[in-house]
Amino acid sequence: MVTRTRSIFYKPRARKPLLRMPRPQARQIRQDLERIAAGMTGDADLKPLRGRRGFYRLRVGDWRAVIEVTDDMVMVWLVGSRGQVYKDLAAMGL
Protein backbone atom coordinates (compact mmCIF):
# COMPACT_ATOMS: atom_id res chain seq x y z
CA MET A 1 0.00 0.00 0.00
CA VAL A 2 1.37 3.41 -1.02
CA THR A 3 0.82 6.31 1.36
CA ARG A 4 0.51 9.65 -0.36
CA THR A 5 1.25 12.80 1.61
CA ARG A 6 -0.58 16.01 0.82
CA SER A 7 1.32 19.30 0.66
CA ILE A 8 0.62 21.84 3.41
CA PHE A 9 0.19 25.51 2.50
CA TYR A 10 -0.36 28.45 4.85
CA LYS A 11 -2.27 31.64 4.11
CA PRO A 12 -0.66 34.79 5.63
CA ARG A 13 -3.55 35.07 8.12
CA ALA A 14 -2.57 31.63 9.43
CA ARG A 15 1.21 31.94 9.45
CA LYS A 16 1.52 35.06 11.64
CA PRO A 17 -0.58 33.84 14.59
CA LEU A 18 1.14 30.46 14.47
CA LEU A 19 4.48 32.20 14.99
CA ARG A 20 3.14 34.33 17.86
CA MET A 21 1.19 31.74 19.84
CA PRO A 22 2.66 29.66 22.69
CA ARG A 23 5.21 27.17 21.36
CA PRO A 24 3.64 23.97 22.74
CA GLN A 25 0.30 24.69 21.04
CA ALA A 26 2.00 25.79 17.81
CA ARG A 27 4.05 22.58 17.81
CA GLN A 28 0.91 20.49 18.39
CA ILE A 29 -0.94 22.23 15.53
CA ARG A 30 1.99 21.59 13.17
CA GLN A 31 2.19 17.93 14.22
CA ASP A 32 -1.56 17.48 13.73
CA LEU A 33 -1.35 19.12 10.29
CA GLU A 34 1.46 16.73 9.31
CA ARG A 35 -0.67 13.75 10.39
CA ILE A 36 -3.71 15.07 8.49
CA ALA A 37 -1.56 15.59 5.39
CA ALA A 38 -0.42 11.97 5.67
CA GLY A 39 -4.03 10.81 5.97
CA MET A 40 -3.79 9.88 9.66
CA THR A 41 -6.23 12.00 11.65
CA GLY A 42 -6.15 9.65 14.67
CA ASP A 43 -5.61 11.88 17.71
CA ALA A 44 -6.34 15.21 16.04
CA ASP A 45 -9.47 17.01 17.28
CA LEU A 46 -10.80 17.62 13.78
CA LYS A 47 -14.41 18.40 12.85
CA PRO A 48 -15.98 19.47 9.56
CA LEU A 49 -17.31 23.03 9.40
CA ARG A 50 -21.04 23.08 8.76
CA GLY A 51 -22.04 24.38 5.35
CA ARG A 52 -18.45 24.46 4.05
CA ARG A 53 -17.54 21.35 2.08
CA GLY A 54 -13.90 20.33 2.52
CA PHE A 55 -13.30 22.76 5.40
CA TYR A 56 -12.45 21.61 8.92
CA ARG A 57 -11.58 23.09 12.27
CA LEU A 58 -8.64 21.72 14.18
CA ARG A 59 -8.72 22.31 17.94
CA VAL A 60 -5.68 22.45 20.21
CA GLY A 61 -6.72 23.74 23.64
CA ASP A 62 -8.18 27.24 23.23
CA TRP A 63 -6.61 27.58 19.76
CA ARG A 64 -8.25 26.77 16.43
CA ALA A 65 -7.04 26.29 12.88
CA VAL A 66 -9.41 26.43 9.92
CA ILE A 67 -8.17 24.18 7.16
CA GLU A 68 -9.28 23.00 3.75
CA VAL A 69 -8.43 19.42 2.80
CA THR A 70 -8.36 18.29 -0.83
CA ASP A 71 -6.90 15.20 -2.49
CA ASP A 72 -3.47 16.80 -2.93
CA MET A 73 -3.17 19.56 -0.31
CA VAL A 74 -4.01 20.92 3.11
CA MET A 75 -4.57 24.69 3.05
CA VAL A 76 -4.39 26.42 6.43
CA TRP A 77 -6.67 29.47 6.17
CA LEU A 78 -6.75 30.78 9.73
CA VAL A 79 -5.13 30.16 13.09
CA GLY A 80 -6.22 31.96 16.23
CA SER A 81 -7.91 31.92 19.58
CA ARG A 82 -11.25 30.18 19.88
CA GLY A 83 -13.42 33.30 19.67
CA GLN A 84 -11.38 35.25 17.16
CA VAL A 85 -10.96 32.58 14.51
CA TYR A 86 -14.72 32.25 13.93
CA LYS A 87 -15.13 36.04 13.68
CA ASP A 88 -12.32 36.16 11.12
CA LEU A 89 -13.86 33.25 9.24
CA ALA A 90 -17.19 35.10 8.95
CA ALA A 91 -15.42 38.30 7.89
CA MET A 92 -13.57 36.43 5.13
CA GLY A 93 -16.84 35.03 3.81
CA LEU A 94 -15.62 31.44 3.84
C-alpha atoms as a PDB file:
ATOM      1  CA  MET A   1       0.000   0.000   0.000  1.00  0.00           C
ATOM      2  CA  VAL A   2       1.375   3.406  -1.020  1.00  0.00           C
ATOM      3  CA  THR A   3       0.824   6.309   1.364  1.00  0.00           C
ATOM      4  CA  ARG A   4       0.515   9.651  -0.359  1.00  0.00           C
ATOM      5  CA  THR A   5       1.249  12.803   1.613  1.00  0.00           C
ATOM      6  CA  ARG A   6      -0.584  16.011   0.817  1.00  0.00           C
ATOM      7  CA  SER A   7       1.322  19.305   0.660  1.00  0.00           C
ATOM      8  CA  ILE A   8       0.625  21.836   3.413  1.00  0.00           C
ATOM      9  CA  PHE A   9       0.190  25.512   2.495  1.00  0.00           C
ATOM     10  CA  TYR A  10      -0.361  28.451   4.848  1.00  0.00           C
ATOM     11  CA  LYS A  11      -2.274  31.641   4.110  1.00  0.00           C
ATOM     12  CA  PRO A  12      -0.660  34.788   5.634  1.00  0.00           C
ATOM     13  CA  ARG A  13      -3.551  35.074   8.117  1.00  0.00           C
ATOM     14  CA  ALA A  14      -2.573  31.633   9.429  1.00  0.00           C
ATOM     15  CA  ARG A  15       1.213  31.938   9.449  1.00  0.00           C
ATOM     16  CA  LYS A  16       1.517  35.060  11.644  1.00  0.00           C
ATOM     17  CA  PRO A  17      -0.583  33.844  14.594  1.00  0.00           C
ATOM     18  CA  LEU A  18       1.137  30.461  14.465  1.00  0.00           C
ATOM     19  CA  LEU A  19       4.482  32.196  14.990  1.00  0.00           C
ATOM     20  CA  ARG A  20       3.144  34.333  17.865  1.00  0.00           C
ATOM     21  CA  MET A  21       1.194  31.735  19.840  1.00  0.00           C
ATOM     22  CA  PRO A  22       2.662  29.656  22.695  1.00  0.00           C
ATOM     23  CA  ARG A  23       5.212  27.169  21.358  1.00  0.00           C
ATOM     24  CA  PRO A  24       3.640  23.969  22.739  1.00  0.00           C
ATOM     25  CA  GLN A  25       0.303  24.690  21.042  1.00  0.00           C
ATOM     26  CA  ALA A  26       1.998  25.792  17.807  1.00  0.00           C
ATOM     27  CA  ARG A  27       4.049  22.584  17.805  1.00  0.00           C
ATOM     28  CA  GLN A  28       0.912  20.490  18.390  1.00  0.00           C
ATOM     29  CA  ILE A  29      -0.937  22.235  15.529  1.00  0.00           C
ATOM     30  CA  ARG A  30       1.988  21.592  13.169  1.00  0.00           C
ATOM     31  CA  GLN A  31       2.187  17.934  14.219  1.00  0.00           C
ATOM     32  CA  ASP A  32      -1.558  17.480  13.732  1.00  0.00           C
ATOM     33  CA  LEU A  33      -1.348  19.117  10.294  1.00  0.00           C
ATOM     34  CA  GLU A  34       1.459  16.729   9.313  1.00  0.00           C
ATOM     35  CA  ARG A  35      -0.673  13.749  10.387  1.00  0.00           C
ATOM     36  CA  ILE A  36      -3.706  15.072   8.495  1.00  0.00           C
ATOM     37  CA  ALA A  37      -1.559  15.590   5.389  1.00  0.00           C
ATOM     38  CA  ALA A  38      -0.422  11.974   5.674  1.00  0.00           C
ATOM     39  CA  GLY A  39      -4.031  10.807   5.975  1.00  0.00           C
ATOM     40  CA  MET A  40      -3.786   9.881   9.655  1.00  0.00           C
ATOM     41  CA  THR A  41      -6.235  11.996  11.647  1.00  0.00           C
ATOM     42  CA  GLY A  42      -6.147   9.648  14.670  1.00  0.00           C
ATOM     43  CA  ASP A  43      -5.609  11.877  17.713  1.00  0.00           C
ATOM     44  CA  ALA A  44      -6.343  15.214  16.036  1.00  0.00           C
ATOM     45  CA  ASP A  45      -9.469  17.011  17.284  1.00  0.00           C
ATOM     46  CA  LEU A  46     -10.804  17.623  13.780  1.00  0.00           C
ATOM     47  CA  LYS A  47     -14.409  18.398  12.849  1.00  0.00           C
ATOM     48  CA  PRO A  48     -15.984  19.469   9.562  1.00  0.00           C
ATOM     49  CA  LEU A  49     -17.310  23.029   9.397  1.00  0.00           C
ATOM     50  CA  ARG A  50     -21.036  23.081   8.762  1.00  0.00           C
ATOM     51  CA  GLY A  51     -22.037  24.385   5.355  1.00  0.00           C
ATOM     52  CA  ARG A  52     -18.453  24.464   4.051  1.00  0.00           C
ATOM     53  CA  ARG A  53     -17.536  21.352   2.082  1.00  0.00           C
ATOM     54  CA  GLY A  54     -13.902  20.333   2.515  1.00  0.00           C
ATOM     55  CA  PHE A  55     -13.299  22.765   5.400  1.00  0.00           C
ATOM     56  CA  TYR A  56     -12.455  21.612   8.918  1.00  0.00           C
ATOM     57  CA  ARG A  57     -11.580  23.092  12.269  1.00  0.00           C
ATOM     58  CA  LEU A  58      -8.637  21.721  14.178  1.00  0.00           C
ATOM     59  CA  ARG A  59      -8.723  22.307  17.939  1.00  0.00           C
ATOM     60  CA  VAL A  60      -5.684  22.448  20.215  1.00  0.00           C
ATOM     61  CA  GLY A  61      -6.723  23.740  23.642  1.00  0.00           C
ATOM     62  CA  ASP A  62      -8.178  27.241  23.225  1.00  0.00           C
ATOM     63  CA  TRP A  63      -6.615  27.581  19.760  1.00  0.00           C
ATOM     64  CA  ARG A  64      -8.254  26.775  16.430  1.00  0.00           C
ATOM     65  CA  ALA A  65      -7.036  26.291  12.880  1.00  0.00           C
ATOM     66  CA  VAL A  66      -9.407  26.433   9.925  1.00  0.00           C
ATOM     67  CA  ILE A  67      -8.166  24.179   7.160  1.00  0.00           C
ATOM     68  CA  GLU A  68      -9.282  22.999   3.753  1.00  0.00           C
ATOM     69  CA  VAL A  69      -8.426  19.424   2.796  1.00  0.00           C
ATOM     70  CA  THR A  70      -8.355  18.289  -0.826  1.00  0.00           C
ATOM     71  CA  ASP A  71      -6.901  15.199  -2.492  1.00  0.00           C
ATOM     72  CA  ASP A  72      -3.475  16.801  -2.926  1.00  0.00           C
ATOM     73  CA  MET A  73      -3.170  19.563  -0.313  1.00  0.00           C
ATOM     74  CA  VAL A  74      -4.013  20.916   3.111  1.00  0.00           C
ATOM     75  CA  MET A  75      -4.571  24.687   3.049  1.00  0.00           C
ATOM     76  CA  VAL A  76      -4.392  26.420   6.434  1.00  0.00           C
ATOM     77  CA  TRP A  77      -6.669  29.469   6.167  1.00  0.00           C
ATOM     78  CA  LEU A  78      -6.749  30.781   9.727  1.00  0.00           C
ATOM     79  CA  VAL A  79      -5.130  30.157  13.094  1.00  0.00           C
ATOM     80  CA  GLY A  80      -6.218  31.962  16.232  1.00  0.00           C
ATOM     81  CA  SER A  81      -7.914  31.924  19.583  1.00  0.00           C
ATOM     82  CA  ARG A  82     -11.246  30.176  19.881  1.00  0.00           C
ATOM     83  CA  GLY A  83     -13.417  33.298  19.675  1.00  0.00           C
ATOM     84  CA  GLN A  84     -11.379  35.255  17.157  1.00  0.00           C
ATOM     85  CA  VAL A  85     -10.957  32.579  14.507  1.00  0.00           C
ATOM     86  CA  TYR A  86     -14.717  32.245  13.928  1.00  0.00           C
ATOM     87  CA  LYS A  87     -15.134  36.043  13.678  1.00  0.00           C
ATOM     88  CA  ASP A  88     -12.317  36.158  11.124  1.00  0.00           C
ATOM     89  CA  LEU A  89     -13.861  33.254   9.239  1.00  0.00           C
ATOM     90  CA  ALA A  90     -17.186  35.096   8.952  1.00  0.00           C
ATOM     91  CA  ALA A  91     -15.416  38.304   7.893  1.00  0.00           C
ATOM     92  CA  MET A  92     -13.572  36.432   5.129  1.00  0.00           C
ATOM     93  CA  GLY A  93     -16.838  35.027   3.810  1.00  0.00           C
ATOM     94  CA  LEU A  94     -15.624  31.436   3.843  1.00  0.00           C
END
